[in-house]
């Protein structure tokens, strides 16, 4: 409950909507691939693919976001 309250406050105080993780997969032995969406100021959504390198401790490094879809209208992909 406390986490939800903190997350809600962070959303209210943020200028831009946060990126939301939709899917994650491991690519090879040392890479992760994530599908991320973000709501834009005009009510549409942008979709990104994030590729990161995993180091020995399991942490992600050298992440790169690539925009693959922009200005997607909610409900248009169903």
PDB file of N, CA and C in Angstrom:
ATOM      1  N   UNK A   1       0.824  -1.187   0.000  1.00  0.00           N
ATOM      2  CA  UNK A   1       0.000   0.000   0.000  1.00  0.00           C
ATOM      3  C   UNK A   1       0.870   1.255   0.000  1.00  0.00           C
ATOM      4  N   UNK A   2       1.928   1.222   0.799  1.00  0.00           N
ATOM      5  CA  UNK A   2       2.828   2.369   0.879  1.00  0.00           C
ATOM      6  C   UNK A   2       3.505   2.600  -0.470  1.00  0.00           C
ATOM      7  N   UNK A   3       3.880   1.517  -1.154  1.00  0.00           N
ATOM      8  CA  UNK A   3       4.534   1.630  -2.457  1.00  0.00           C
ATOM      9  C   UNK A   3       3.597   2.262  -3.479  1.00  0.00           C
ATOM     10  N   UNK A   4       2.335   1.892  -3.444  1.00  0.00           N
ATOM     11  CA  UNK A   4       1.363   2.464  -4.380  1.00  0.00           C
ATOM     12  C   UNK A   4       1.205   3.957  -4.131  1.00  0.00           C
ATOM     13  N   UNK A   5       1.161   4.361  -2.869  1.00  0.00           N
ATOM     14  CA  UNK A   5       1.036   5.778  -2.535  1.00  0.00           C
ATOM     15  C   UNK A   5       2.254   6.567  -3.012  1.00  0.00           C
ATOM     16  N   UNK A   6       3.439   6.029  -2.801  1.00  0.00           N
ATOM     17  CA  UNK A   6       4.656   6.709  -3.262  1.00  0.00           C
ATOM     18  C   UNK A   6       4.703   6.801  -4.773  1.00  0.00           C
ATOM     19  N   UNK A   7       4.284   5.735  -5.444  1.00  0.00           N
ATOM     20  CA  UNK A   7       4.270   5.735  -6.905  1.00  0.00           C
ATOM     21  C   UNK A   7       3.275   6.771  -7.425  1.00  0.00           C
ATOM     22  N   UNK A   8       2.116   6.872  -6.787  1.00  0.00           N
ATOM     23  CA  UNK A   8       1.110   7.855  -7.192  1.00  0.00           C
ATOM     24  C   UNK A   8       1.622   9.279  -7.028  1.00  0.00           C
ATOM     25  N   UNK A   9       2.303   9.543  -5.922  1.00  0.00           N
ATOM     26  CA  UNK A   9       2.866  10.875  -5.704  1.00  0.00           C
ATOM     27  C   UNK A   9       3.940  11.199  -6.729  1.00  0.00           C
ATOM     28  N   UNK A  10       4.735  10.228  -7.071  1.00  0.00           N
ATOM     29  CA  UNK A  10       5.775  10.447  -8.076  1.00  0.00           C
ATOM     30  C   UNK A  10       5.153  10.775  -9.431  1.00  0.00           C
ATOM     31  N   UNK A  11       4.057  10.108  -9.759  1.00  0.00           N
ATOM     32  CA  UNK A  11       3.383  10.388 -11.022  1.00  0.00           C
ATOM     33  C   UNK A  11       2.792  11.789 -11.047  1.00  0.00           C
ATOM     34  N   UNK A  12       2.226  12.216  -9.944  1.00  0.00           N
ATOM     35  CA  UNK A  12       1.632  13.545  -9.890  1.00  0.00           C
ATOM     36  C   UNK A  12       2.681  14.642 -10.008  1.00  0.00           C
ATOM     37  N   UNK A  13       3.863  14.409  -9.465  1.00  0.00           N
ATOM     38  CA  UNK A  13       4.898  15.423  -9.481  1.00  0.00           C
ATOM     39  C   UNK A  13       5.760  15.416 -10.733  1.00  0.00           C
ATOM     40  N   UNK A  14       5.636  14.409 -11.544  1.00  0.00           N
ATOM     41  CA  UNK A  14       6.488  14.290 -12.729  1.00  0.00           C
ATOM     42  C   UNK A  14       5.940  15.132 -13.871  1.00  0.00           C
ATOM     43  N   UNK A  15       6.848  15.705 -14.642  1.00  0.00           N
ATOM     44  CA  UNK A  15       6.445  16.485 -15.805  1.00  0.00           C
ATOM     45  C   UNK A  15       6.044  15.575 -16.955  1.00  0.00           C
ATOM     46  N   UNK A  16       6.734  14.477 -17.111  1.00  0.00           N
ATOM     47  CA  UNK A  16       6.487  13.549 -18.199  1.00  0.00           C
ATOM     48  C   UNK A  16       6.097  12.196 -17.628  1.00  0.00           C
ATOM     49  N   UNK A  17       5.244  11.501 -18.331  1.00  0.00           N
ATOM     50  CA  UNK A  17       4.825  10.173 -17.876  1.00  0.00           C
ATOM     51  C   UNK A  17       6.014   9.232 -17.850  1.00  0.00           C
ATOM     52  N   UNK A  18       6.014   8.299 -16.893  1.00  0.00           N
ATOM     53  CA  UNK A  18       7.126   7.347 -16.830  1.00  0.00           C
ATOM     54  C   UNK A  18       7.014   6.312 -17.948  1.00  0.00           C
ATOM     55  N   UNK A  19       8.129   5.701 -18.244  1.00  0.00           N
ATOM     56  CA  UNK A  19       8.125   4.603 -19.198  1.00  0.00           C
ATOM     57  C   UNK A  19       7.695   3.348 -18.458  1.00  0.00           C
ATOM     58  N   UNK A  20       6.782   2.587 -19.042  1.00  0.00           N
ATOM     59  CA  UNK A  20       6.206   1.412 -18.405  1.00  0.00           C
ATOM     60  C   UNK A  20       6.693   0.159 -19.131  1.00  0.00           C
ATOM     61  N   UNK A  21       7.254  -0.774 -18.370  1.00  0.00           N
ATOM     62  CA  UNK A  21       7.755  -2.028 -18.926  1.00  0.00           C
ATOM     63  C   UNK A  21       6.585  -2.916 -19.316  1.00  0.00           C
ATOM     64  N   UNK A  22       6.570  -3.388 -20.560  1.00  0.00           N
ATOM     65  CA  UNK A  22       5.502  -4.250 -21.055  1.00  0.00           C
ATOM     66  C   UNK A  22       5.988  -5.685 -21.166  1.00  0.00           C
ATOM     67  N   UNK A  23       7.223  -5.883 -21.609  1.00  0.00           N
ATOM     68  CA  UNK A  23       7.764  -7.229 -21.805  1.00  0.00           C
ATOM     69  C   UNK A  23       9.280  -7.177 -21.661  1.00  0.00           C
ATOM     70  N   UNK A  24       9.869  -8.302 -21.248  1.00  0.00           N
ATOM     71  CA  UNK A  24      11.320  -8.409 -21.106  1.00  0.00           C
ATOM     72  C   UNK A  24      11.744  -9.790 -21.539  1.00  0.00           C
ATOM     73  N   UNK A  25      12.915  -9.870 -22.176  1.00  0.00           N
ATOM     74  CA  UNK A  25      13.427 -11.152 -22.643  1.00  0.00           C
ATOM     75  C   UNK A  25      14.953 -11.104 -22.607  1.00  0.00           C
ATOM     76  N   UNK A  26      15.560 -12.273 -22.471  1.00  0.00           N
ATOM     77  CA  UNK A  26      17.016 -12.380 -22.531  1.00  0.00           C
ATOM     78  C   UNK A  26      17.417 -12.716 -23.961  1.00  0.00           C
ATOM     79  N   UNK A  27      18.403 -11.998 -24.461  1.00  0.00           N
ATOM     80  CA  UNK A  27      18.895 -12.194 -25.813  1.00  0.00           C
ATOM     81  C   UNK A  27      20.343 -12.625 -25.723  1.00  0.00           C
ATOM     82  N   UNK A  28      20.616 -13.870 -25.995  1.00  0.00           N
ATOM     83  CA  UNK A  28      21.976 -14.381 -25.861  1.00  0.00           C
ATOM     84  C   UNK A  28      22.351 -14.538 -24.402  1.00  0.00           C
ATOM     85  N   UNK A  29      23.638 -14.606 -24.133  1.00  0.00           N
ATOM     86  CA  UNK A  29      24.130 -14.822 -22.772  1.00  0.00           C
ATOM     87  C   UNK A  29      24.246 -13.555 -21.950  1.00  0.00           C
ATOM     88  N   UNK A  30      24.370 -12.403 -22.600  1.00  0.00           N
ATOM     89  CA  UNK A  30      24.647 -11.194 -21.819  1.00  0.00           C
ATOM     90  C   UNK A  30      23.843  -9.969 -22.266  1.00  0.00           C
ATOM     91  N   UNK A  31      22.645 -10.159 -22.769  1.00  0.00           N
ATOM     92  CA  UNK A  31      21.813  -9.025 -23.193  1.00  0.00           C
ATOM     93  C   UNK A  31      20.371  -9.216 -22.735  1.00  0.00           C
ATOM     94  N   UNK A  32      19.712  -8.101 -22.453  1.00  0.00           N
ATOM     95  CA  UNK A  32      18.274  -8.109 -22.205  1.00  0.00           C
ATOM     96  C   UNK A  32      17.602  -7.189 -23.209  1.00  0.00           C
ATOM     97  N   UNK A  33      16.391  -7.530 -23.571  1.00  0.00           N
ATOM     98  CA  UNK A  33      15.580  -6.721 -24.465  1.00  0.00           C
ATOM     99  C   UNK A  33      14.260  -6.441 -23.763  1.00  0.00           C
ATOM    100  N   UNK A  34      13.859  -5.169 -23.722  1.00  0.00           N
ATOM    101  CA  UNK A  34      12.624  -4.776 -23.053  1.00  0.00           C
ATOM    102  C   UNK A  34      11.755  -3.974 -24.004  1.00  0.00           C
ATOM    103  N   UNK A  35      10.447  -4.188 -23.918  1.00  0.00           N
ATOM    104  CA  UNK A  35       9.475  -3.398 -24.657  1.00  0.00           C
ATOM    105  C   UNK A  35       8.848  -2.429 -23.668  1.00  0.00           C
ATOM    106  N   UNK A  36       8.903  -1.139 -23.984  1.00  0.00           N
ATOM    107  CA  UNK A  36       8.494  -0.086 -23.054  1.00  0.00           C
ATOM    108  C   UNK A  36       7.537   0.864 -23.761  1.00  0.00           C
ATOM    109  N   UNK A  37       6.473   1.294 -23.051  1.00  0.00           N
ATOM    110  CA  UNK A  37       5.578   2.310 -23.609  1.00  0.00           C
ATOM    111  C   UNK A  37       5.599   3.544 -22.712  1.00  0.00           C
ATOM    112  N   UNK A  38       5.299   4.683 -23.311  1.00  0.00           N
ATOM    113  CA  UNK A  38       5.245   5.943 -22.571  1.00  0.00           C
ATOM    114  C   UNK A  38       4.129   6.800 -23.151  1.00  0.00           C
ATOM    115  N   UNK A  39       3.288   7.343 -22.264  1.00  0.00           N
ATOM    116  CA  UNK A  39       2.201   8.216 -22.695  1.00  0.00           C
ATOM    117  C   UNK A  39       2.767   9.597 -22.980  1.00  0.00           C
ATOM    118  N   UNK A  40       2.355  10.181 -24.087  1.00  0.00           N
ATOM    119  CA  UNK A  40       2.818  11.510 -24.464  1.00  0.00           C
ATOM    120  C   UNK A  40       1.857  12.566 -23.927  1.00  0.00           C
ATOM    121  N   UNK A  41       2.222  13.818 -24.063  1.00  0.00           N
ATOM    122  CA  UNK A  41       1.406  14.910 -23.531  1.00  0.00           C
ATOM    123  C   UNK A  41       0.082  15.064 -24.271  1.00  0.00           C
ATOM    124  N   UNK A  42      -0.005  14.604 -25.520  1.00  0.00           N
ATOM    125  CA  UNK A  42      -1.258  14.734 -26.273  1.00  0.00           C
ATOM    126  C   UNK A  42      -2.164  13.505 -26.158  1.00  0.00           C
ATOM    127  N   UNK A  43      -1.820  12.563 -25.267  1.00  0.00           N
ATOM    128  CA  UNK A  43      -2.687  11.410 -25.010  1.00  0.00           C
ATOM    129  C   UNK A  43      -2.401  10.187 -25.848  1.00  0.00           C
ATOM    130  N   UNK A  44      -1.420  10.257 -26.728  1.00  0.00           N
ATOM    131  CA  UNK A  44      -1.033   9.083 -27.505  1.00  0.00           C
ATOM    132  C   UNK A  44       0.126   8.380 -26.793  1.00  0.00           C
ATOM    133  N   UNK A  45       0.582   7.271 -27.360  1.00  0.00           N
ATOM    134  CA  UNK A  45       1.651   6.495 -26.744  1.00  0.00           C
ATOM    135  C   UNK A  45       2.818   6.308 -27.701  1.00  0.00           C
ATOM    136  N   UNK A  46       4.025   6.283 -27.128  1.00  0.00           N
ATOM    137  CA  UNK A  46       5.236   5.935 -27.876  1.00  0.00           C
ATOM    138  C   UNK A  46       5.718   4.583 -27.365  1.00  0.00           C
ATOM    139  N   UNK A  47       6.263   3.771 -28.259  1.00  0.00           N
ATOM    140  CA  UNK A  47       6.770   2.444 -27.903  1.00  0.00           C
ATOM    141  C   UNK A  47       8.267   2.400 -28.189  1.00  0.00           C
ATOM    142  N   UNK A  48       9.019   1.912 -27.208  1.00  0.00           N
ATOM    143  CA  UNK A  48      10.477   1.829 -27.307  1.00  0.00           C
ATOM    144  C   UNK A  48      10.934   0.389 -27.111  1.00  0.00           C
ATOM    145  N   UNK A  49      12.083   0.061 -27.701  1.00  0.00           N
ATOM    146  CA  UNK A  49      12.788  -1.179 -27.399  1.00  0.00           C
ATOM    147  C   UNK A  49      14.081  -0.769 -26.707  1.00  0.00           C
ATOM    148  N   UNK A  50      14.327  -1.333 -25.518  1.00  0.00           N
ATOM    149  CA  UNK A  50      15.537  -1.038 -24.753  1.00  0.00           C
ATOM    150  C   UNK A  50      16.410  -2.299 -24.743  1.00  0.00           C
ATOM    151  N   UNK A  51      17.646  -2.162 -25.202  1.00  0.00           N
ATOM    152  CA  UNK A  51      18.614  -3.265 -25.197  1.00  0.00           C
ATOM    153  C   UNK A  51      19.724  -2.905 -24.220  1.00  0.00           C
ATOM    154  N   UNK A  52      20.009  -3.826 -23.274  1.00  0.00           N
ATOM    155  CA  UNK A  52      21.033  -3.600 -22.255  1.00  0.00           C
ATOM    156  C   UNK A  52      22.016  -4.763 -22.233  1.00  0.00           C
ATOM    157  N   UNK A  53      23.234  -4.473 -21.804  1.00  0.00           N
ATOM    158  CA  UNK A  53      24.253  -5.496 -21.600  1.00  0.00           C
ATOM    159  C   UNK A  53      24.259  -5.883 -20.129  1.00  0.00           C
ATOM    160  N   UNK A  54      24.291  -7.191 -19.857  1.00  0.00           N
ATOM    161  CA  UNK A  54      24.374  -7.685 -18.484  1.00  0.00           C
ATOM    162  C   UNK A  54      25.834  -7.905 -18.114  1.00  0.00           C
ATOM    163  N   UNK A  55      26.213  -7.474 -16.893  1.00  0.00           N
ATOM    164  CA  UNK A  55      27.559  -7.746 -16.408  1.00  0.00           C
ATOM    165  C   UNK A  55      27.506  -8.930 -15.443  1.00  0.00           C
ATOM    166  N   UNK A  56      28.640  -9.349 -14.925  1.00  0.00           N
ATOM    167  CA  UNK A  56      28.745 -10.556 -14.107  1.00  0.00           C
ATOM    168  C   UNK A  56      27.843 -10.536 -12.873  1.00  0.00           C
ATOM    169  N   UNK A  57      27.584  -9.361 -12.310  1.00  0.00           N
ATOM    170  CA  UNK A  57      26.757  -9.261 -11.106  1.00  0.00           C
ATOM    171  C   UNK A  57      25.262  -9.268 -11.407  1.00  0.00           C
ATOM    172  N   UNK A  58      24.886  -9.285 -12.680  1.00  0.00           N
ATOM    173  CA  UNK A  58      23.481  -9.285 -13.064  1.00  0.00           C
ATOM    174  C   UNK A  58      22.908  -7.905 -13.301  1.00  0.00           C
ATOM    175  N   UNK A  59      23.724  -6.870 -13.139  1.00  0.00           N
ATOM    176  CA  UNK A  59      23.261  -5.505 -13.380  1.00  0.00           C
ATOM    177  C   UNK A  59      23.290  -5.200 -14.867  1.00  0.00           C
ATOM    178  N   UNK A  60      22.404  -4.287 -15.270  1.00  0.00           N
ATOM    179  CA  UNK A  60      22.344  -3.873 -16.671  1.00  0.00           C
ATOM    180  C   UNK A  60      23.212  -2.640 -16.886  1.00  0.00           C
ATOM    181  N   UNK A  61      23.948  -2.630 -17.970  1.00  0.00           N
ATOM    182  CA  UNK A  61      24.817  -1.497 -18.342  1.00  0.00           C
ATOM    183  C   UNK A  61      24.620  -1.182 -19.816  1.00  0.00           C
ATOM    184  N   UNK A  62      25.035  -0.006 -20.215  1.00  0.00           N
ATOM    185  CA  UNK A  62      25.040   0.418 -21.610  1.00  0.00           C
ATOM    186  C   UNK A  62      23.684   0.200 -22.276  1.00  0.00           C
ATOM    187  N   UNK A  63      22.615   0.666 -21.640  1.00  0.00           N
ATOM    188  CA  UNK A  63      21.273   0.527 -22.189  1.00  0.00           C
ATOM    189  C   UNK A  63      21.039   1.573 -23.285  1.00  0.00           C
ATOM    190  N   UNK A  64      20.350   1.152 -24.329  1.00  0.00           N
ATOM    191  CA  UNK A  64      20.016   2.050 -25.428  1.00  0.00           C
ATOM    192  C   UNK A  64      18.540   1.883 -25.772  1.00  0.00           C
ATOM    193  N   UNK A  65      17.800   3.005 -25.773  1.00  0.00           N
ATOM    194  CA  UNK A  65      16.386   2.999 -26.142  1.00  0.00           C
ATOM    195  C   UNK A  65      16.251   3.365 -27.617  1.00  0.00           C
ATOM    196  N   UNK A  66      15.394   2.626 -28.322  1.00  0.00           N
ATOM    197  CA  UNK A  66      15.110   2.901 -29.720  1.00  0.00           C
ATOM    198  C   UNK A  66      13.606   3.068 -29.885  1.00  0.00           C
ATOM    199  N   UNK A  67      13.177   4.200 -30.404  1.00  0.00           N
ATOM    200  CA  UNK A  67      11.767   4.455 -30.651  1.00  0.00           C
ATOM    201  C   UNK A  67      11.325   3.640 -31.860  1.00  0.00           C
ATOM    202  N   UNK A  68      10.307   2.783 -31.685  1.00  0.00           N
ATOM    203  CA  UNK A  68       9.842   1.951 -32.796  1.00  0.00           C
ATOM    204  C   UNK A  68       8.452   2.346 -33.279  1.00  0.00           C
ATOM    205  N   UNK A  69       7.609   2.909 -32.412  1.00  0.00           N
ATOM    206  CA  UNK A  69       6.291   3.426 -32.794  1.00  0.00           C
ATOM    207  C   UNK A  69       6.066   4.734 -32.063  1.00  0.00           C
ATOM    208  N   UNK A  70       5.499   5.716 -32.751  1.00  0.00           N
ATOM    209  CA  UNK A  70       5.212   6.980 -32.085  1.00  0.00           C
ATOM    210  C   UNK A  70       3.786   7.421 -32.394  1.00  0.00           C
ATOM    211  N   UNK A  71       3.218   8.159 -31.453  1.00  0.00           N
ATOM    212  CA  UNK A  71       1.881   8.722 -31.595  1.00  0.00           C
ATOM    213  C   UNK A  71       0.817   7.665 -31.878  1.00  0.00           C
ATOM    214  N   UNK A  72       0.846   6.574 -31.135  1.00  0.00           N
ATOM    215  CA  UNK A  72      -0.144   5.512 -31.279  1.00  0.00           C
ATOM    216  C   UNK A  72      -1.384   5.893 -30.487  1.00  0.00           C
ATOM    217  N   UNK A  73      -2.526   5.885 -31.138  1.00  0.00           N
ATOM    218  CA  UNK A  73      -3.790   6.222 -30.496  1.00  0.00           C
ATOM    219  C   UNK A  73      -4.262   5.036 -29.651  1.00  0.00           C
ATOM    220  N   UNK A  74      -4.650   5.272 -28.396  1.00  0.00           N
ATOM    221  CA  UNK A  74      -5.141   4.164 -27.556  1.00  0.00           C
ATOM    222  C   UNK A  74      -6.340   3.472 -28.213  1.00  0.00           C
ATOM    223  N   UNK A  75      -6.314   2.150 -28.210  1.00  0.00           N
ATOM    224  CA  UNK A  75      -7.401   1.373 -28.807  1.00  0.00           C
ATOM    225  C   UNK A  75      -7.226   1.071 -30.275  1.00  0.00           C
ATOM    226  N   UNK A  76      -6.266   1.691 -30.934  1.00  0.00           N
ATOM    227  CA  UNK A  76      -6.105   1.479 -32.377  1.00  0.00           C
ATOM    228  C   UNK A  76      -5.371   0.182 -32.707  1.00  0.00           C
ATOM    229  N   UNK A  77      -4.749  -0.438 -31.720  1.00  0.00           N
ATOM    230  CA  UNK A  77      -3.985  -1.657 -31.993  1.00  0.00           C
ATOM    231  C   UNK A  77      -4.720  -2.910 -31.544  1.00  0.00           C
ATOM    232  N   UNK A  78      -5.954  -2.787 -31.083  1.00  0.00           N
ATOM    233  CA  UNK A  78      -6.705  -3.949 -30.617  1.00  0.00           C
ATOM    234  C   UNK A  78      -7.509  -4.565 -31.721  1.00  0.00           C
TER     235      UNK A  78
END
